[in-house]
Amino acid sequence: MFVLVSLRDTVVIKPNYIGSNMKEIIEQELNSRLCSKVIYKVGLCISLWDILKVEESFISDVDGSYYTTVSFRIVCFRPFIDEILIGIVKSLSKTGLRVSLNFFDDIFIPAEKLRSPSRYDYEQNAWIWEYAYEGETAELRIDKHDTIRFRVVEEIWCDPNPDNDKTICSTSNDPSGYSDGNSDSLTESKAPYTIICMHSWKYLLLCVVFHISLKLKICLVFWWQKLKHLTRLSNILLFSRKIRESERNCYGN
């Protein structure tokens, strides 16, 4: 989900900061400029990790600011394809679900990538999965604020075009049906980074099996350690009993 990215950028330090701790000022400038912002084809910047190299600075003859080229590493949010995530349903519509991770909201599950068969309830604004088993059907609802698991299947990046008012995106299909506006083209989407996901029962089942097996393994390890402790304790008691019996036999003789 999170990756460590190496970047190189020029930091501008105002004259009023000259004389202060240079490293702290550079860290503050990088965090204020990059954190909570999306870098094209890199990810959502979370926090500065460390500074690798500070190169030689030069002073601008216009405003007297320091211009310093810095190499650094930053933590970015960019889940890999097929990664399983847990999020909260932020909104629903006939086109699909919009999911939030609290710090990132541009996650979309199209209607065709929901569990099949599913239908949208217009009156209650909810998606309903009609689960059939042994001739019986159960309706499992997905409502707003529900917690769900989903799998990442696609990334969509949008890069502002300086020569045009529109936005150039890396795909031609429009995943932005969750937006309030009825945009017919991806070029009208404002989100710089959108994650397309699917709500697959197969992968959810694999996650459940994994968690159950993990808990079972932890329980087995716990009971194995407890059994070893009890065995060791019983051996000590048996050895003590043999010592007492031998002492009793010696004193009896």
Protein backbone atom coordinates (compact mmCIF):
# COMPACT_ATOMS: atom_id res chain seq x y z
CA MET A 1 0.00 0.00 0.00
CA PHE A 2 2.80 2.43 0.90
CA VAL A 3 6.01 2.82 -1.08
CA LEU A 4 9.26 4.68 -0.45
CA VAL A 5 10.12 6.94 -3.40
CA SER A 6 13.40 8.76 -4.07
CA LEU A 7 12.97 12.28 -5.50
CA ARG A 8 15.09 15.30 -6.32
CA ASP A 9 13.78 18.85 -6.12
CA THR A 10 14.83 22.46 -5.59
CA VAL A 11 13.82 24.01 -2.28
CA VAL A 12 13.44 27.79 -1.96
CA ILE A 13 14.41 29.17 1.46
CA LYS A 14 13.27 32.72 2.19
CA PRO A 15 15.81 35.26 3.54
CA ASN A 16 14.10 35.44 6.95
CA TYR A 17 15.01 31.75 7.54
CA ILE A 18 18.71 32.24 6.80
CA GLY A 19 20.74 31.45 9.91
CA SER A 20 18.25 28.86 11.18
CA ASN A 21 18.78 25.09 11.18
CA MET A 22 19.00 24.38 7.44
CA LYS A 23 17.94 20.73 7.70
CA GLU A 24 14.79 21.53 9.70
CA ILE A 25 13.82 24.31 7.30
CA ILE A 26 14.27 22.00 4.29
CA GLU A 27 12.16 19.28 5.95
CA GLN A 28 9.39 21.79 6.73
CA GLU A 29 9.40 23.13 3.16
CA LEU A 30 9.28 19.66 1.61
CA ASN A 31 6.47 18.49 3.90
CA SER A 32 4.40 21.63 3.32
CA ARG A 33 4.85 21.42 -0.46
CA LEU A 34 4.37 17.70 -1.04
CA CYS A 35 2.32 16.12 1.76
CA SER A 36 -1.31 15.32 0.85
CA LYS A 37 -0.53 16.01 -2.82
CA VAL A 38 -0.49 13.58 -5.74
CA ILE A 39 2.61 13.29 -7.93
CA TYR A 40 1.82 12.01 -11.42
CA LYS A 41 2.62 8.28 -11.78
CA VAL A 42 4.19 8.29 -8.28
CA GLY A 43 1.33 8.38 -5.75
CA LEU A 44 -0.17 10.37 -2.90
CA CYS A 45 2.61 11.85 -0.77
CA ILE A 46 2.20 11.07 2.94
CA SER A 47 5.33 12.22 4.77
CA LEU A 48 9.01 12.95 4.25
CA TRP A 49 11.15 9.93 5.20
CA ASP A 50 14.70 11.30 5.11
CA ILE A 51 17.05 13.62 3.26
CA LEU A 52 19.72 11.87 1.20
CA LYS A 53 21.79 14.79 -0.07
CA VAL A 54 21.79 18.59 0.10
CA GLU A 55 23.66 20.11 -2.83
CA GLU A 56 25.29 23.51 -3.08
CA SER A 57 22.94 26.50 -2.70
CA PHE A 58 22.87 29.72 -4.66
CA ILE A 59 21.26 33.06 -3.79
CA SER A 60 18.74 34.65 -6.12
CA ASP A 61 19.54 38.22 -7.16
CA VAL A 62 15.80 38.98 -7.29
CA ASP A 63 14.56 38.32 -3.75
CA GLY A 64 17.66 37.05 -1.92
CA SER A 65 16.24 33.56 -1.38
CA TYR A 66 18.37 30.43 -1.15
CA TYR A 67 17.79 27.89 -3.95
CA THR A 68 18.95 24.46 -2.81
CA THR A 69 18.71 21.19 -4.74
CA VAL A 70 17.82 18.34 -2.40
CA SER A 71 17.67 14.55 -2.89
CA PHE A 72 15.24 12.91 -0.48
CA ARG A 73 12.90 9.98 0.10
CA ILE A 74 9.19 10.32 0.76
CA VAL A 75 6.46 7.85 1.76
CA CYS A 76 3.71 7.63 -0.87
CA PHE A 77 0.38 5.83 -1.01
CA ARG A 78 0.16 3.69 -4.14
CA PRO A 79 -1.39 0.24 -3.75
CA PHE A 80 -0.23 -2.43 -6.16
CA ILE A 81 -2.53 -4.23 -8.59
CA ASP A 82 -4.42 -7.16 -6.98
CA GLU A 83 -3.80 -5.80 -3.46
CA ILE A 84 -6.68 -6.34 -1.01
CA LEU A 85 -7.72 -3.23 0.96
CA ILE A 86 -10.36 -2.43 3.58
CA GLY A 87 -12.37 0.77 3.26
CA ILE A 88 -15.64 2.49 4.13
CA VAL A 89 -18.42 3.07 1.59
CA LYS A 90 -18.64 6.84 1.16
CA SER A 91 -21.41 7.03 -1.43
CA LEU A 92 -23.48 4.81 -3.72
CA SER A 93 -25.12 5.26 -7.10
CA LYS A 94 -26.36 3.11 -9.96
CA THR A 95 -22.87 3.24 -11.49
CA GLY A 96 -21.15 1.72 -8.44
CA LEU A 97 -19.56 2.50 -5.08
CA ARG A 98 -17.19 5.20 -3.93
CA VAL A 99 -14.94 3.98 -1.10
CA SER A 100 -12.84 5.96 1.36
CA LEU A 101 -9.69 5.08 3.31
CA ASN A 102 -10.15 8.24 5.46
CA PHE A 103 -7.02 9.79 3.94
CA PHE A 104 -7.87 8.93 0.30
CA ASP A 105 -11.35 9.03 -1.25
CA ASP A 106 -10.88 8.52 -4.99
CA ILE A 107 -11.57 4.78 -4.97
CA PHE A 108 -14.32 3.55 -7.26
CA ILE A 109 -15.96 0.13 -7.65
CA PRO A 110 -17.99 0.04 -10.89
CA ALA A 111 -21.30 -1.78 -10.93
CA GLU A 112 -19.96 -4.49 -13.25
CA LYS A 113 -17.20 -5.29 -10.75
CA LEU A 114 -19.56 -5.94 -7.82
CA ARG A 115 -20.49 -9.45 -6.73
CA SER A 116 -22.80 -11.14 -9.20
CA PRO A 117 -25.76 -11.04 -9.26
CA SER A 118 -26.18 -7.59 -7.69
CA ARG A 119 -28.85 -4.94 -8.16
CA TYR A 120 -29.23 -1.32 -7.13
CA ASP A 121 -32.14 -0.33 -4.85
CA TYR A 122 -33.19 3.18 -5.90
CA GLU A 123 -35.57 3.69 -2.96
CA GLN A 124 -33.08 2.84 -0.22
CA ASN A 125 -29.93 3.87 -2.14
CA ALA A 126 -28.18 0.55 -1.54
CA TRP A 127 -26.58 -2.24 -3.52
CA ILE A 128 -27.95 -5.73 -2.87
CA TRP A 129 -26.09 -8.93 -3.60
CA GLU A 130 -28.52 -11.81 -4.24
CA TYR A 131 -26.60 -14.73 -2.82
CA ALA A 132 -28.02 -18.12 -3.84
CA TYR A 133 -27.23 -21.36 -2.01
CA GLU A 134 -29.00 -24.74 -2.24
CA GLY A 135 -32.11 -23.26 -3.84
CA GLU A 136 -32.44 -20.42 -1.34
CA THR A 137 -31.61 -16.77 -1.94
CA ALA A 138 -30.39 -14.26 0.65
CA GLU A 139 -30.16 -10.51 0.05
CA LEU A 140 -26.91 -9.07 1.39
CA ARG A 141 -26.93 -5.28 1.40
CA ILE A 142 -24.15 -2.76 0.96
CA ASP A 143 -25.11 0.57 2.54
CA LYS A 144 -23.37 3.85 3.10
CA HIS A 145 -20.70 3.74 5.86
CA ASP A 146 -20.37 -0.07 5.58
CA THR A 147 -16.86 -1.52 5.85
CA ILE A 148 -15.91 -3.66 2.85
CA ARG A 149 -12.92 -5.45 1.36
CA PHE A 150 -11.98 -4.83 -2.25
CA ARG A 151 -9.23 -5.64 -4.74
CA VAL A 152 -7.29 -3.08 -6.77
CA VAL A 153 -7.57 -3.77 -10.51
CA GLU A 154 -6.60 -0.51 -12.24
CA GLU A 155 -5.02 2.92 -11.74
CA ILE A 156 -6.12 6.05 -13.58
CA TRP A 157 -3.81 9.07 -13.62
CA CYS A 158 -4.83 12.54 -14.79
CA ASP A 159 -2.18 15.14 -15.60
CA PRO A 160 -3.10 18.84 -16.11
CA ASN A 161 -2.28 20.07 -19.59
CA PRO A 162 -0.68 23.54 -19.46
CA ASP A 163 -1.81 24.26 -23.03
CA ASN A 164 -5.46 23.45 -22.40
CA ASP A 165 -8.11 23.91 -19.72
CA LYS A 166 -8.97 20.21 -19.78
CA THR A 167 -7.17 17.30 -18.15
CA ILE A 168 -5.29 14.56 -19.97
CA CYS A 169 -5.86 11.10 -18.47
CA SER A 170 -4.13 7.80 -19.02
CA THR A 171 -7.30 5.87 -19.98
CA SER A 172 -10.28 6.50 -22.21
CA ASN A 173 -12.96 4.91 -20.02
CA ASP A 174 -14.75 7.13 -17.55
CA PRO A 175 -14.68 5.78 -13.95
CA SER A 176 -16.03 9.00 -12.49
CA GLY A 177 -19.72 8.15 -12.46
CA TYR A 178 -19.68 8.56 -8.70
CA SER A 179 -19.07 12.30 -9.06
CA ASP A 180 -21.89 14.77 -8.54
CA GLY A 181 -21.51 16.10 -12.06
CA ASN A 182 -22.76 14.02 -14.96
CA SER A 183 -19.50 14.06 -16.89
CA ASP A 184 -19.43 12.03 -20.08
CA SER A 185 -15.69 12.24 -20.59
CA LEU A 186 -12.74 11.50 -18.40
CA THR A 187 -11.19 14.78 -19.48
CA GLU A 188 -13.68 16.55 -17.18
CA SER A 189 -12.57 14.59 -14.11
CA LYS A 190 -10.72 16.61 -11.48
CA ALA A 191 -9.17 13.70 -9.55
CA PRO A 192 -5.44 13.36 -10.36
CA TYR A 193 -5.33 9.75 -9.15
CA THR A 194 -8.24 7.30 -9.17
CA ILE A 195 -8.15 3.65 -8.13
CA ILE A 196 -10.56 1.22 -9.79
CA CYS A 197 -11.40 -1.85 -7.69
CA MET A 198 -13.64 -4.90 -7.64
CA HIS A 199 -15.72 -6.47 -4.89
CA SER A 200 -14.94 -10.14 -5.51
CA TRP A 201 -16.25 -12.94 -3.31
CA LYS A 202 -13.38 -15.23 -4.35
CA TYR A 203 -10.73 -12.87 -3.01
CA LEU A 204 -12.77 -12.09 0.09
CA LEU A 205 -13.00 -15.83 0.77
CA LEU A 206 -9.23 -16.16 0.37
CA CYS A 207 -8.75 -13.35 2.89
CA VAL A 208 -11.12 -15.02 5.36
CA VAL A 209 -9.33 -18.37 4.96
CA PHE A 210 -5.97 -16.64 5.42
CA HIS A 211 -7.08 -14.91 8.63
CA ILE A 212 -8.62 -18.11 10.01
CA SER A 213 -5.47 -20.11 9.23
CA LEU A 214 -3.33 -17.39 10.80
CA LYS A 215 -5.39 -17.39 13.99
CA LEU A 216 -5.36 -21.20 14.04
CA LYS A 217 -1.58 -21.19 13.70
CA ILE A 218 -1.26 -18.72 16.57
CA CYS A 219 -3.51 -20.90 18.74
CA LEU A 220 -1.53 -24.02 17.88
CA VAL A 221 1.74 -22.31 18.73
CA PHE A 222 0.27 -21.08 22.03
CA TRP A 223 -1.00 -24.52 23.04
CA TRP A 224 2.24 -26.17 21.89
CA GLN A 225 4.23 -23.86 24.13
CA LYS A 226 1.82 -24.50 26.98
CA LEU A 227 2.08 -28.27 26.43
CA LYS A 228 5.89 -28.08 26.48
CA HIS A 229 5.71 -26.12 29.73
CA LEU A 230 3.36 -28.68 31.30
CA THR A 231 5.57 -31.55 30.11
CA ARG A 232 8.63 -29.88 31.62
CA LEU A 233 6.74 -29.30 34.87
CA SER A 234 5.57 -32.93 35.03
CA ASN A 235 9.14 -34.14 34.45
CA ILE A 236 10.35 -31.95 37.32
CA LEU A 237 7.62 -33.30 39.62
CA LEU A 238 8.42 -36.88 38.60
CA PHE A 239 12.12 -36.32 39.25
CA SER A 240 11.34 -34.80 42.67
CA ARG A 241 9.15 -37.78 43.54
CA LYS A 242 11.93 -40.21 42.61
CA ILE A 243 14.39 -38.28 44.80
CA ARG A 244 12.00 -38.41 47.77
CA GLU A 245 11.44 -42.14 47.27
CA SER A 246 15.18 -42.81 47.11
CA GLU A 247 15.73 -40.74 50.28
CA ARG A 248 12.93 -42.61 52.03
CA ASN A 249 14.47 -45.94 51.03
CA CYS A 250 17.90 -44.84 52.28
CA TYR A 251 16.58 -43.71 55.65
CA GLY A 252 14.42 -46.84 55.92
CA ASN A 253 17.47 -49.05 55.48
